[in-house]
Amino acid sequence: MSRIDPMKSMALSVVRADFEKTIVSVCKNSEPLVIKRRRGAPVVLMSLQAYESIQETLHLLGTEKNATRLRESITEFRASQPRRKGTRQYP
């Protein structure tokens, strides 16, 4: 089982000082960044690819029927003996 690492965080003033560098770092490292503000709630900066991935996951798990199918498929896959694509399977 994997654990979720805490997200990196930065003060808004630091992000503002070199916004382009921050954006490049977030995209390059594929890690979201929590931006802390003195007044107001923190916000998260992430790549579009990460955001779209989260949205797709939420969609796939959005109904109990889909979530159940996915869990069953994962269980079935783990119980089987997966083989690499393109390799022959002998009887």
PDB file of N, CA and C in Angstrom:
ATOM      1  N   MET A   1       0.852  -1.176   0.000  1.00  0.00           N
ATOM      2  CA  MET A   1       0.000   0.000   0.000  1.00  0.00           C
ATOM      3  C   MET A   1       0.897   1.239   0.000  1.00  0.00           C
ATOM      4  N   SER A   2       0.580   2.187  -0.840  1.00  0.00           N
ATOM      5  CA  SER A   2       1.385   3.404  -0.902  1.00  0.00           C
ATOM      6  C   SER A   2       0.829   4.446   0.050  1.00  0.00           C
ATOM      7  N   ARG A   3       1.718   5.332   0.476  1.00  0.00           N
ATOM      8  CA  ARG A   3       1.261   6.415   1.335  1.00  0.00           C
ATOM      9  C   ARG A   3       1.328   7.705   0.547  1.00  0.00           C
ATOM     10  N   ILE A   4       0.547   8.663   0.960  1.00  0.00           N
ATOM     11  CA  ILE A   4       0.530   9.944   0.272  1.00  0.00           C
ATOM     12  C   ILE A   4       1.508  10.877   0.966  1.00  0.00           C
ATOM     13  N   ASP A   5       2.474  11.362   0.215  1.00  0.00           N
ATOM     14  CA  ASP A   5       3.448  12.296   0.768  1.00  0.00           C
ATOM     15  C   ASP A   5       2.825  13.671   0.893  1.00  0.00           C
ATOM     16  N   PRO A   6       3.215  14.401   1.928  1.00  0.00           N
ATOM     17  CA  PRO A   6       2.695  15.767   2.045  1.00  0.00           C
ATOM     18  C   PRO A   6       3.178  16.617   0.869  1.00  0.00           C
ATOM     19  N   MET A   7       2.325  17.516   0.430  1.00  0.00           N
ATOM     20  CA  MET A   7       2.686  18.381  -0.687  1.00  0.00           C
ATOM     21  C   MET A   7       3.672  19.445  -0.239  1.00  0.00           C
ATOM     22  N   LYS A   8       4.510  19.844  -1.161  1.00  0.00           N
ATOM     23  CA  LYS A   8       5.409  20.960  -0.902  1.00  0.00           C
ATOM     24  C   LYS A   8       4.574  22.229  -0.820  1.00  0.00           C
ATOM     25  N   SER A   9       5.061  23.185  -0.052  1.00  0.00           N
ATOM     26  CA  SER A   9       4.334  24.445   0.052  1.00  0.00           C
ATOM     27  C   SER A   9       5.298  25.620  -0.035  1.00  0.00           C
ATOM     28  N   MET A  10       4.750  26.766  -0.405  1.00  0.00           N
ATOM     29  CA  MET A  10       5.523  27.995  -0.570  1.00  0.00           C
ATOM     30  C   MET A  10       4.637  29.177  -0.232  1.00  0.00           C
ATOM     31  N   ALA A  11       5.251  30.209   0.266  1.00  0.00           N
ATOM     32  CA  ALA A  11       4.514  31.447   0.520  1.00  0.00           C
ATOM     33  C   ALA A  11       4.211  32.130  -0.808  1.00  0.00           C
ATOM     34  N   LEU A  12       3.085  32.790  -0.870  1.00  0.00           N
ATOM     35  CA  LEU A  12       2.690  33.500  -2.082  1.00  0.00           C
ATOM     36  C   LEU A  12       3.753  34.501  -2.515  1.00  0.00           C
ATOM     37  N   SER A  13       4.372  35.176  -1.573  1.00  0.00           N
ATOM     38  CA  SER A  13       5.398  36.171  -1.919  1.00  0.00           C
ATOM     39  C   SER A  13       6.577  35.532  -2.643  1.00  0.00           C
ATOM     40  N   VAL A  14       6.943  34.317  -2.253  1.00  0.00           N
ATOM     41  CA  VAL A  14       8.050  33.603  -2.909  1.00  0.00           C
ATOM     42  C   VAL A  14       7.633  33.181  -4.317  1.00  0.00           C
ATOM     43  N   VAL A  15       6.420  32.676  -4.449  1.00  0.00           N
ATOM     44  CA  VAL A  15       5.907  32.266  -5.760  1.00  0.00           C
ATOM     45  C   VAL A  15       5.839  33.468  -6.690  1.00  0.00           C
ATOM     46  N   ARG A  16       5.334  34.557  -6.183  1.00  0.00           N
ATOM     47  CA  ARG A  16       5.177  35.775  -6.975  1.00  0.00           C
ATOM     48  C   ARG A  16       6.531  36.284  -7.482  1.00  0.00           C
ATOM     49  N   ALA A  17       7.575  36.134  -6.689  1.00  0.00           N
ATOM     50  CA  ALA A  17       8.903  36.633  -7.064  1.00  0.00           C
ATOM     51  C   ALA A  17       9.434  35.971  -8.334  1.00  0.00           C
ATOM     52  N   ASP A  18       9.109  34.704  -8.543  1.00  0.00           N
ATOM     53  CA  ASP A  18       9.566  34.018  -9.759  1.00  0.00           C
ATOM     54  C   ASP A  18       8.507  32.998 -10.189  1.00  0.00           C
ATOM     55  N   PHE A  19       7.397  33.529 -10.648  1.00  0.00           N
ATOM     56  CA  PHE A  19       6.248  32.702 -10.997  1.00  0.00           C
ATOM     57  C   PHE A  19       6.571  31.702 -12.105  1.00  0.00           C
ATOM     58  N   GLU A  20       7.254  32.153 -13.142  1.00  0.00           N
ATOM     59  CA  GLU A  20       7.579  31.262 -14.270  1.00  0.00           C
ATOM     60  C   GLU A  20       8.412  30.070 -13.800  1.00  0.00           C
ATOM     61  N   LYS A  21       9.409  30.320 -12.972  1.00  0.00           N
ATOM     62  CA  LYS A  21      10.261  29.242 -12.459  1.00  0.00           C
ATOM     63  C   LYS A  21       9.424  28.245 -11.642  1.00  0.00           C
ATOM     64  N   THR A  22       8.492  28.760 -10.865  1.00  0.00           N
ATOM     65  CA  THR A  22       7.624  27.904 -10.057  1.00  0.00           C
ATOM     66  C   THR A  22       6.757  27.021 -10.943  1.00  0.00           C
ATOM     67  N   ILE A  23       6.182  27.607 -11.982  1.00  0.00           N
ATOM     68  CA  ILE A  23       5.341  26.840 -12.909  1.00  0.00           C
ATOM     69  C   ILE A  23       6.151  25.737 -13.578  1.00  0.00           C
ATOM     70  N   VAL A  24       7.331  26.068 -14.044  1.00  0.00           N
ATOM     71  CA  VAL A  24       8.188  25.077 -14.701  1.00  0.00           C
ATOM     72  C   VAL A  24       8.505  23.936 -13.738  1.00  0.00           C
ATOM     73  N   SER A  25       8.818  24.261 -12.497  1.00  0.00           N
ATOM     74  CA  SER A  25       9.143  23.247 -11.494  1.00  0.00           C
ATOM     75  C   SER A  25       7.955  22.328 -11.219  1.00  0.00           C
ATOM     76  N   VAL A  26       6.779  22.904 -11.072  1.00  0.00           N
ATOM     77  CA  VAL A  26       5.569  22.114 -10.807  1.00  0.00           C
ATOM     78  C   VAL A  26       5.313  21.141 -11.957  1.00  0.00           C
ATOM     79  N   CYS A  27       5.427  21.610 -13.179  1.00  0.00           N
ATOM     80  CA  CYS A  27       5.180  20.752 -14.349  1.00  0.00           C
ATOM     81  C   CYS A  27       6.277  19.706 -14.521  1.00  0.00           C
ATOM     82  N   LYS A  28       7.524  20.118 -14.364  1.00  0.00           N
ATOM     83  CA  LYS A  28       8.659  19.215 -14.564  1.00  0.00           C
ATOM     84  C   LYS A  28       8.657  18.079 -13.544  1.00  0.00           C
ATOM     85  N   ASN A  29       8.368  18.404 -12.297  1.00  0.00           N
ATOM     86  CA  ASN A  29       8.407  17.409 -11.228  1.00  0.00           C
ATOM     87  C   ASN A  29       7.087  16.674 -11.028  1.00  0.00           C
ATOM     88  N   SER A  30       6.069  17.083 -11.758  1.00  0.00           N
ATOM     89  CA  SER A  30       4.731  16.483 -11.632  1.00  0.00           C
ATOM     90  C   SER A  30       4.260  16.455 -10.181  1.00  0.00           C
ATOM     91  N   GLU A  31       4.562  17.525  -9.457  1.00  0.00           N
ATOM     92  CA  GLU A  31       4.159  17.624  -8.058  1.00  0.00           C
ATOM     93  C   GLU A  31       3.355  18.894  -7.846  1.00  0.00           C
ATOM     94  N   PRO A  32       2.169  18.772  -7.262  1.00  0.00           N
ATOM     95  CA  PRO A  32       1.410  19.985  -6.947  1.00  0.00           C
ATOM     96  C   PRO A  32       2.118  20.793  -5.863  1.00  0.00           C
ATOM     97  N   LEU A  33       1.782  22.054  -5.792  1.00  0.00           N
ATOM     98  CA  LEU A  33       2.397  22.963  -4.827  1.00  0.00           C
ATOM     99  C   LEU A  33       1.301  23.714  -4.086  1.00  0.00           C
ATOM    100  N   VAL A  34       1.362  23.697  -2.762  1.00  0.00           N
ATOM    101  CA  VAL A  34       0.428  24.474  -1.954  1.00  0.00           C
ATOM    102  C   VAL A  34       1.000  25.878  -1.824  1.00  0.00           C
ATOM    103  N   ILE A  35       0.193  26.862  -2.184  1.00  0.00           N
ATOM    104  CA  ILE A  35       0.610  28.260  -2.060  1.00  0.00           C
ATOM    105  C   ILE A  35      -0.117  28.845  -0.860  1.00  0.00           C
ATOM    106  N   LYS A  36       0.679  29.205   0.150  1.00  0.00           N
ATOM    107  CA  LYS A  36       0.115  29.755   1.389  1.00  0.00           C
ATOM    108  C   LYS A  36      -0.022  31.265   1.262  1.00  0.00           C
ATOM    109  N   ARG A  37      -1.144  31.775   1.780  1.00  0.00           N
ATOM    110  CA  ARG A  37      -1.392  33.217   1.742  1.00  0.00           C
ATOM    111  C   ARG A  37      -1.615  33.729   3.161  1.00  0.00           C
ATOM    112  N   ARG A  38      -1.188  34.963   3.395  1.00  0.00           N
ATOM    113  CA  ARG A  38      -1.402  35.551   4.723  1.00  0.00           C
ATOM    114  C   ARG A  38      -2.882  35.706   5.012  1.00  0.00           C
ATOM    115  N   ARG A  39      -3.580  36.190   4.035  1.00  0.00           N
ATOM    116  CA  ARG A  39      -5.031  36.382   4.177  1.00  0.00           C
ATOM    117  C   ARG A  39      -5.721  35.482   3.156  1.00  0.00           C
ATOM    118  N   GLY A  40      -6.487  34.587   3.645  1.00  0.00           N
ATOM    119  CA  GLY A  40      -7.197  33.699   2.734  1.00  0.00           C
ATOM    120  C   GLY A  40      -6.681  32.279   2.803  1.00  0.00           C
ATOM    121  N   ALA A  41      -7.481  31.411   2.258  1.00  0.00           N
ATOM    122  CA  ALA A  41      -7.159  29.982   2.261  1.00  0.00           C
ATOM    123  C   ALA A  41      -6.014  29.686   1.300  1.00  0.00           C
ATOM    124  N   PRO A  42      -5.237  28.658   1.592  1.00  0.00           N
ATOM    125  CA  PRO A  42      -4.186  28.245   0.664  1.00  0.00           C
ATOM    126  C   PRO A  42      -4.806  27.741  -0.643  1.00  0.00           C
ATOM    127  N   VAL A  43      -4.017  27.763  -1.701  1.00  0.00           N
ATOM    128  CA  VAL A  43      -4.455  27.240  -2.995  1.00  0.00           C
ATOM    129  C   VAL A  43      -3.422  26.233  -3.488  1.00  0.00           C
ATOM    130  N   VAL A  44      -3.821  25.427  -4.460  1.00  0.00           N
ATOM    131  CA  VAL A  44      -2.920  24.418  -5.010  1.00  0.00           C
ATOM    132  C   VAL A  44      -2.639  24.739  -6.467  1.00  0.00           C
ATOM    133  N   LEU A  45      -1.360  24.702  -6.834  1.00  0.00           N
ATOM    134  CA  LEU A  45      -0.928  24.881  -8.217  1.00  0.00           C
ATOM    135  C   LEU A  45      -0.489  23.516  -8.722  1.00  0.00           C
ATOM    136  N   MET A  46      -1.061  23.088  -9.852  1.00  0.00           N
ATOM    137  CA  MET A  46      -0.688  21.797 -10.431  1.00  0.00           C
ATOM    138  C   MET A  46      -0.713  21.888 -11.948  1.00  0.00           C
ATOM    139  N   SER A  47      -0.061  20.929 -12.585  1.00  0.00           N
ATOM    140  CA  SER A  47      -0.046  20.901 -14.044  1.00  0.00           C
ATOM    141  C   SER A  47      -1.432  20.535 -14.563  1.00  0.00           C
ATOM    142  N   LEU A  48      -1.699  20.913 -15.795  1.00  0.00           N
ATOM    143  CA  LEU A  48      -2.967  20.552 -16.431  1.00  0.00           C
ATOM    144  C   LEU A  48      -3.086  19.039 -16.531  1.00  0.00           C
ATOM    145  N   GLN A  49      -1.994  18.366 -16.820  1.00  0.00           N
ATOM    146  CA  GLN A  49      -2.005  16.906 -16.926  1.00  0.00           C
ATOM    147  C   GLN A  49      -2.445  16.272 -15.602  1.00  0.00           C
ATOM    148  N   ALA A  50      -1.929  16.758 -14.483  1.00  0.00           N
ATOM    149  CA  ALA A  50      -2.320  16.227 -13.173  1.00  0.00           C
ATOM    150  C   ALA A  50      -3.792  16.501 -12.899  1.00  0.00           C
ATOM    151  N   TYR A  51      -4.237  17.703 -13.218  1.00  0.00           N
ATOM    152  CA  TYR A  51      -5.638  18.075 -13.003  1.00  0.00           C
ATOM    153  C   TYR A  51      -6.567  17.176 -13.822  1.00  0.00           C
ATOM    154  N   GLU A  52      -6.239  16.978 -15.101  1.00  0.00           N
ATOM    155  CA  GLU A  52      -7.074  16.138 -15.956  1.00  0.00           C
ATOM    156  C   GLU A  52      -7.102  14.695 -15.465  1.00  0.00           C
ATOM    157  N   SER A  53      -5.984  14.217 -14.950  1.00  0.00           N
ATOM    158  CA  SER A  53      -5.921  12.867 -14.409  1.00  0.00           C
ATOM    159  C   SER A  53      -6.842  12.714 -13.203  1.00  0.00           C
ATOM    160  N   ILE A  54      -6.834  13.704 -12.331  1.00  0.00           N
ATOM    161  CA  ILE A  54      -7.719  13.691 -11.163  1.00  0.00           C
ATOM    162  C   ILE A  54      -9.177  13.721 -11.605  1.00  0.00           C
ATOM    163  N   GLN A  55      -9.486  14.560 -12.585  1.00  0.00           N
ATOM    164  CA  GLN A  55     -10.861  14.654 -13.070  1.00  0.00           C
ATOM    165  C   GLN A  55     -11.328  13.326 -13.662  1.00  0.00           C
ATOM    166  N   GLU A  56     -10.453  12.662 -14.403  1.00  0.00           N
ATOM    167  CA  GLU A  56     -10.816  11.372 -14.989  1.00  0.00           C
ATOM    168  C   GLU A  56     -11.062  10.337 -13.897  1.00  0.00           C
ATOM    169  N   THR A  57     -10.201  10.318 -12.884  1.00  0.00           N
ATOM    170  CA  THR A  57     -10.382   9.388 -11.771  1.00  0.00           C
ATOM    171  C   THR A  57     -11.702   9.641 -11.057  1.00  0.00           C
ATOM    172  N   LEU A  58     -12.000  10.903 -10.798  1.00  0.00           N
ATOM    173  CA  LEU A  58     -13.271  11.242 -10.148  1.00  0.00           C
ATOM    174  C   LEU A  58     -14.462  10.793 -10.989  1.00  0.00           C
ATOM    175  N   HIS A  59     -14.346  10.950 -12.301  1.00  0.00           N
ATOM    176  CA  HIS A  59     -15.424  10.514 -13.195  1.00  0.00           C
ATOM    177  C   HIS A  59     -15.593   8.994 -13.130  1.00  0.00           C
ATOM    178  N   LEU A  60     -14.469   8.276 -13.216  1.00  0.00           N
ATOM    179  CA  LEU A  60     -14.536   6.815 -13.212  1.00  0.00           C
ATOM    180  C   LEU A  60     -15.071   6.265 -11.897  1.00  0.00           C
ATOM    181  N   LEU A  61     -14.772   6.933 -10.810  1.00  0.00           N
ATOM    182  CA  LEU A  61     -15.238   6.474  -9.503  1.00  0.00           C
ATOM    183  C   LEU A  61     -16.523   7.169  -9.070  1.00  0.00           C
ATOM    184  N   GLY A  62     -17.094   7.953  -9.969  1.00  0.00           N
ATOM    185  CA  GLY A  62     -18.246   8.784  -9.637  1.00  0.00           C
ATOM    186  C   GLY A  62     -19.536   8.046  -9.348  1.00  0.00           C
ATOM    187  N   THR A  63     -19.649   6.837  -9.849  1.00  0.00           N
ATOM    188  CA  THR A  63     -20.847   6.055  -9.548  1.00  0.00           C
ATOM    189  C   THR A  63     -20.420   4.773  -8.846  1.00  0.00           C
ATOM    190  N   GLU A  64     -21.278   4.275  -8.009  1.00  0.00           N
ATOM    191  CA  GLU A  64     -20.964   3.042  -7.269  1.00  0.00           C
ATOM    192  C   GLU A  64     -20.756   1.873  -8.229  1.00  0.00           C
ATOM    193  N   LYS A  65     -21.533   1.849  -9.304  1.00  0.00           N
ATOM    194  CA  LYS A  65     -21.417   0.764 -10.287  1.00  0.00           C
ATOM    195  C   LYS A  65     -20.025   0.762 -10.932  1.00  0.00           C
ATOM    196  N   ASN A  66     -19.559   1.929 -11.369  1.00  0.00           N
ATOM    197  CA  ASN A  66     -18.222   2.022 -11.964  1.00  0.00           C
ATOM    198  C   ASN A  66     -17.141   1.669 -10.954  1.00  0.00           C
ATOM    199  N   ALA A  67     -17.261   2.188  -9.746  1.00  0.00           N
ATOM    200  CA  ALA A  67     -16.260   1.929  -8.710  1.00  0.00           C
ATOM    201  C   ALA A  67     -16.173   0.433  -8.416  1.00  0.00           C
ATOM    202  N   THR A  68     -17.315  -0.223  -8.344  1.00  0.00           N
ATOM    203  CA  THR A  68     -17.346  -1.665  -8.085  1.00  0.00           C
ATOM    204  C   THR A  68     -16.687  -2.429  -9.223  1.00  0.00           C
ATOM    205  N   ARG A  69     -17.013  -2.068 -10.453  1.00  0.00           N
ATOM    206  CA  ARG A  69     -16.397  -2.734 -11.615  1.00  0.00           C
ATOM    207  C   ARG A  69     -14.879  -2.576 -11.605  1.00  0.00           C
ATOM    208  N   LEU A  70     -14.405  -1.377 -11.302  1.00  0.00           N
ATOM    209  CA  LEU A  70     -12.963  -1.147 -11.270  1.00  0.00           C
ATOM    210  C   LEU A  70     -12.288  -1.962 -10.174  1.00  0.00           C
ATOM    211  N   ARG A  71     -12.880  -1.990  -8.988  1.00  0.00           N
ATOM    212  CA  ARG A  71     -12.307  -2.784  -7.892  1.00  0.00           C
ATOM    213  C   ARG A  71     -12.270  -4.265  -8.264  1.00  0.00           C
ATOM    214  N   GLU A  72     -13.337  -4.760  -8.867  1.00  0.00           N
ATOM    215  CA  GLU A  72     -13.385  -6.167  -9.274  1.00  0.00           C
ATOM    216  C   GLU A  72     -12.333  -6.465 -10.341  1.00  0.00           C
ATOM    217  N   SER A  73     -12.162  -5.557 -11.281  1.00  0.00           N
ATOM    218  CA  SER A  73     -11.161  -5.744 -12.337  1.00  0.00           C
ATOM    219  C   SER A  73      -9.752  -5.767 -11.764  1.00  0.00           C
ATOM    220  N   ILE A  74      -9.493  -4.883 -10.825  1.00  0.00           N
ATOM    221  CA  ILE A  74      -8.166  -4.842 -10.197  1.00  0.00           C
ATOM    222  C   ILE A  74      -7.909  -6.133  -9.426  1.00  0.00           C
ATOM    223  N   THR A  75      -8.898  -6.592  -8.690  1.00  0.00           N
ATOM    224  CA  THR A  75      -8.766  -7.844  -7.938  1.00  0.00           C
ATOM    225  C   THR A  75      -8.513  -9.010  -8.883  1.00  0.00           C
ATOM    226  N   GLU A  76      -9.266  -9.067  -9.974  1.00  0.00           N
ATOM    227  CA  GLU A  76      -9.101 -10.131 -10.965  1.00  0.00           C
ATOM    228  C   GLU A  76      -7.714 -10.073 -11.600  1.00  0.00           C
ATOM    229  N   PHE A  77      -7.260  -8.880 -11.931  1.00  0.00           N
ATOM    230  CA  PHE A  77      -5.942  -8.719 -12.538  1.00  0.00           C
ATOM    231  C   PHE A  77      -4.847  -9.194 -11.588  1.00  0.00           C
ATOM    232  N   ARG A  78      -4.950  -8.792 -10.339  1.00  0.00           N
ATOM    233  CA  ARG A  78      -3.922  -9.174  -9.357  1.00  0.00           C
ATOM    234  C   ARG A  78      -3.917 -10.674  -9.097  1.00  0.00           C
ATOM    235  N   ALA A  79      -5.064 -11.307  -9.201  1.00  0.00           N
ATOM    236  CA  ALA A  79      -5.165 -12.744  -8.957  1.00  0.00           C
ATOM    237  C   ALA A  79      -4.657 -13.557 -10.149  1.00  0.00           C
ATOM    238  N   SER A  80      -4.683 -12.964 -11.323  1.00  0.00           N
ATOM    239  CA  SER A  80      -4.231 -13.674 -12.524  1.00  0.00           C
ATOM    240  C   SER A  80      -2.715 -13.588 -12.620  1.00  0.00           C
ATOM    241  N   GLN A  81      -2.204 -14.212 -13.641  1.00  0.00           N
ATOM    242  CA  GLN A  81      -0.775 -14.119 -13.890  1.00  0.00           C
ATOM    243  C   GLN A  81      -0.607 -13.272 -15.141  1.00  0.00           C
ATOM    244  N   PRO A  82      -0.524 -11.956 -14.969  1.00  0.00           N
ATOM    245  CA  PRO A  82      -0.431 -11.080 -16.139  1.00  0.00           C
ATOM    246  C   PRO A  82       0.818 -11.383 -16.967  1.00  0.00           C
ATOM    247  N   ARG A  83       0.699 -11.183 -18.253  1.00  0.00           N
ATOM    248  CA  ARG A  83       1.849 -11.370 -19.131  1.00  0.00           C
ATOM    249  C   ARG A  83       2.082 -10.089 -19.907  1.00  0.00           C
ATOM    250  N   ARG A  84       3.284  -9.939 -20.388  1.00  0.00           N
ATOM    251  CA  ARG A  84       3.615  -8.746 -21.159  1.00  0.00           C
ATOM    252  C   ARG A  84       2.924  -8.776 -22.505  1.00  0.00           C
ATOM    253  N   LYS A  85       2.522  -7.601 -22.942  1.00  0.00           N
ATOM    254  CA  LYS A  85       1.869  -7.473 -24.236  1.00  0.00           C
ATOM    255  C   LYS A  85       2.829  -7.950 -25.324  1.00  0.00           C
ATOM    256  N   GLY A  86       2.313  -8.750 -26.229  1.00  0.00           N
ATOM    257  CA  GLY A  86       3.119  -9.210 -27.343  1.00  0.00           C
ATOM    258  C   GLY A  86       3.819 -10.536 -27.088  1.00  0.00           C
ATOM    259  N   THR A  87       3.712 -11.080 -25.881  1.00  0.00           N
ATOM    260  CA  THR A  87       4.340 -12.372 -25.620  1.00  0.00           C
ATOM    261  C   THR A  87       3.320 -13.472 -25.843  1.00  0.00           C
ATOM    262  N   ARG A  88       3.812 -14.621 -26.211  1.00  0.00           N
ATOM    263  CA  ARG A  88       2.919 -15.746 -26.474  1.00  0.00           C
ATOM    264  C   ARG A  88       2.521 -16.422 -25.174  1.00  0.00           C
ATOM    265  N   GLN A  89       1.296 -16.870 -25.169  1.00  0.00           N
ATOM    266  CA  GLN A  89       0.808 -17.631 -24.021  1.00  0.00           C
ATOM    267  C   GLN A  89       0.617 -19.066 -24.489  1.00  0.00           C
ATOM    268  N   TYR A  90       1.277 -19.993 -23.815  1.00  0.00           N
ATOM    269  CA  TYR A  90       1.194 -21.395 -24.207  1.00  0.00           C
ATOM    270  C   TYR A  90       0.199 -22.118 -23.318  1.00  0.00           C
ATOM    271  N   PRO A  91      -0.491 -23.112 -23.914  1.00  0.00           N
ATOM    272  CA  PRO A  91      -1.493 -23.873 -23.135  1.00  0.00           C
ATOM    273  C   PRO A  91      -0.894 -24.670 -22.005  1.00  0.00           C
TER     274      PRO A  91
END
